[in-house]
Amino acid sequence: MSIDLTGVWDGTFMQPGVGMITFTATLVETGGALSGRVTEPCMMPVCPISTHHAAIAGQRAGSAVSFVKRYEPPGFGYASVTYEGSVNAEATEIDGRWHLPGASGAFLMIRAGKTAQAVTTEKRAKAPTR
């Protein structure tokens, strides 16, 4: 099966002090190069806008996926965020971590159809307890 990440993805990321934030990403993959757009709600208490828009640019090499999300306009928090993760064999999930200077967290992207929040909840329910 050939992997192609082109399509609409529902995602979540964990932001320290805020919790789970949902987003929608539209990806285009051409020869391993990734581009696309992201929309997400602004969850900061003093945010002057309700929805953030961002452009993404990156690459996929095998199952490894990395991209940079650049907010448009920059400001209201951070100008850009680096994401690194891996895509599953069916090309239906991308799981990994986002990074900023001094902060990082988990993210999960699911091809549109089954929300990432539902999958995150399922994975937590199936996880062994310690």
Protein backbone atom coordinates (compact mmCIF):
# COMPACT_ATOMS: atom_id res chain seq x y z
CA MET A 1 0.00 0.00 0.00
CA SER A 2 1.32 3.43 -0.95
CA ILE A 3 1.13 6.10 1.75
CA ASP A 4 -0.36 9.47 0.80
CA LEU A 5 -1.32 11.90 3.54
CA THR A 6 -3.38 14.15 1.25
CA GLY A 7 -6.78 14.80 2.80
CA VAL A 8 -8.65 16.25 5.75
CA TRP A 9 -7.51 15.29 9.25
CA ASP A 10 -9.17 15.85 12.63
CA GLY A 11 -6.68 16.36 15.40
CA THR A 12 -6.05 17.06 19.04
CA PHE A 13 -3.06 18.33 20.94
CA MET A 14 -2.43 18.70 24.63
CA GLN A 15 -1.47 22.21 25.72
CA PRO A 16 -0.06 22.61 29.25
CA GLY A 17 -2.37 24.66 31.45
CA VAL A 18 -5.21 24.47 28.90
CA GLY A 19 -5.84 20.78 28.16
CA MET A 20 -6.95 19.13 24.93
CA ILE A 21 -7.41 21.40 21.92
CA THR A 22 -9.05 20.16 18.72
CA PHE A 23 -8.04 21.23 15.22
CA THR A 24 -8.70 20.46 11.57
CA ALA A 25 -5.85 20.08 9.10
CA THR A 26 -6.00 19.81 5.33
CA LEU A 27 -2.81 18.18 4.04
CA VAL A 28 -1.39 17.90 0.53
CA GLU A 29 1.48 15.47 -0.03
CA THR A 30 3.56 15.67 -3.19
CA GLY A 31 6.59 13.39 -3.43
CA GLY A 32 6.99 13.31 0.36
CA ALA A 33 6.67 17.09 0.74
CA LEU A 34 3.77 18.21 2.93
CA SER A 35 1.85 21.46 2.80
CA GLY A 36 -1.53 22.48 4.10
CA ARG A 37 -3.71 24.55 6.39
CA VAL A 38 -4.82 24.24 10.01
CA THR A 39 -7.70 25.86 11.90
CA GLU A 40 -8.06 25.66 15.67
CA PRO A 41 -9.90 27.60 18.36
CA CYS A 42 -8.03 30.11 20.48
CA MET A 43 -8.23 28.80 24.04
CA MET A 44 -6.20 31.50 25.79
CA PRO A 45 -8.33 33.73 28.06
CA VAL A 46 -7.13 37.01 26.53
CA CYS A 47 -7.06 35.92 22.87
CA PRO A 48 -8.57 38.65 20.67
CA ILE A 49 -9.60 36.15 17.94
CA SER A 50 -11.79 33.06 18.22
CA THR A 51 -10.06 30.92 15.56
CA HIS A 52 -6.39 30.55 14.66
CA HIS A 53 -5.35 29.86 11.07
CA ALA A 54 -1.96 28.43 10.23
CA ALA A 55 0.03 27.12 7.27
CA ILE A 56 2.02 23.94 7.55
CA ALA A 57 5.09 22.81 5.61
CA GLY A 58 7.13 19.68 6.13
CA GLN A 59 7.85 16.20 4.87
CA ARG A 60 7.16 12.50 5.21
CA ALA A 61 9.93 9.90 4.88
CA GLY A 62 8.53 6.39 5.25
CA SER A 63 6.40 6.50 8.38
CA ALA A 64 8.22 9.54 9.86
CA VAL A 65 6.31 12.82 9.58
CA SER A 66 7.57 16.28 10.51
CA PHE A 67 6.21 19.74 9.82
CA VAL A 68 6.22 23.30 11.08
CA LYS A 69 2.91 25.08 11.76
CA ARG A 70 3.12 28.87 11.24
CA TYR A 71 0.28 30.95 12.59
CA GLU A 72 -1.24 33.60 10.32
CA PRO A 73 -0.99 36.28 11.50
CA PRO A 74 1.83 35.49 13.94
CA GLY A 75 1.28 36.49 17.54
CA PHE A 76 -1.44 35.64 20.04
CA GLY A 77 1.01 33.18 21.57
CA TYR A 78 3.54 31.57 19.25
CA ALA A 79 4.56 32.26 15.67
CA SER A 80 5.48 28.63 14.82
CA VAL A 81 5.37 25.14 16.32
CA THR A 82 7.37 22.05 15.25
CA TYR A 83 5.60 18.68 15.02
CA GLU A 84 7.28 15.26 14.78
CA GLY A 85 5.47 11.95 14.63
CA SER A 86 4.75 8.80 12.70
CA VAL A 87 1.95 7.65 10.45
CA ASN A 88 0.44 4.20 10.94
CA ALA A 89 0.59 1.51 8.20
CA GLU A 90 -2.96 2.29 7.01
CA ALA A 91 -2.18 6.05 6.74
CA THR A 92 -5.16 6.84 8.97
CA GLU A 93 -3.38 8.16 12.10
CA ILE A 94 -0.42 10.44 12.77
CA ASP A 95 0.77 10.33 16.37
CA GLY A 96 3.62 12.32 17.91
CA ARG A 97 4.77 15.39 19.79
CA TRP A 98 4.79 19.14 19.18
CA HIS A 99 7.70 21.30 20.36
CA LEU A 100 8.26 24.92 21.35
CA PRO A 101 11.23 26.36 23.22
CA GLY A 102 10.57 25.23 26.79
CA ALA A 103 7.35 23.31 26.10
CA SER A 104 6.07 20.23 24.29
CA GLY A 105 3.08 17.94 24.25
CA ALA A 106 1.35 15.09 22.49
CA PHE A 107 -0.71 15.34 19.31
CA LEU A 108 -2.88 12.92 17.35
CA MET A 109 -4.33 13.33 13.86
CA ILE A 110 -7.02 11.01 12.43
CA ARG A 111 -8.27 11.01 8.84
CA ALA A 112 -11.67 12.73 8.83
CA GLY A 113 -14.51 10.38 9.64
CA LYS A 114 -13.62 9.29 13.20
CA THR A 115 -12.65 12.16 15.45
CA ALA A 116 -9.27 12.25 17.12
CA GLN A 117 -10.93 13.02 20.45
CA ALA A 118 -12.90 9.74 20.24
CA VAL A 119 -9.77 7.76 19.35
CA THR A 120 -7.79 9.40 22.17
CA THR A 121 -10.57 8.44 24.60
CA GLU A 122 -10.59 4.84 23.24
CA LYS A 123 -6.80 4.55 23.59
CA ARG A 124 -6.94 5.79 27.18
CA ALA A 125 -9.71 3.29 28.00
CA LYS A 126 -7.65 0.40 26.55
CA ALA A 127 -4.36 1.45 28.18
CA PRO A 128 -3.18 -0.84 30.97
CA THR A 129 -3.45 0.65 34.43
CA ARG A 130 -0.36 0.91 36.59
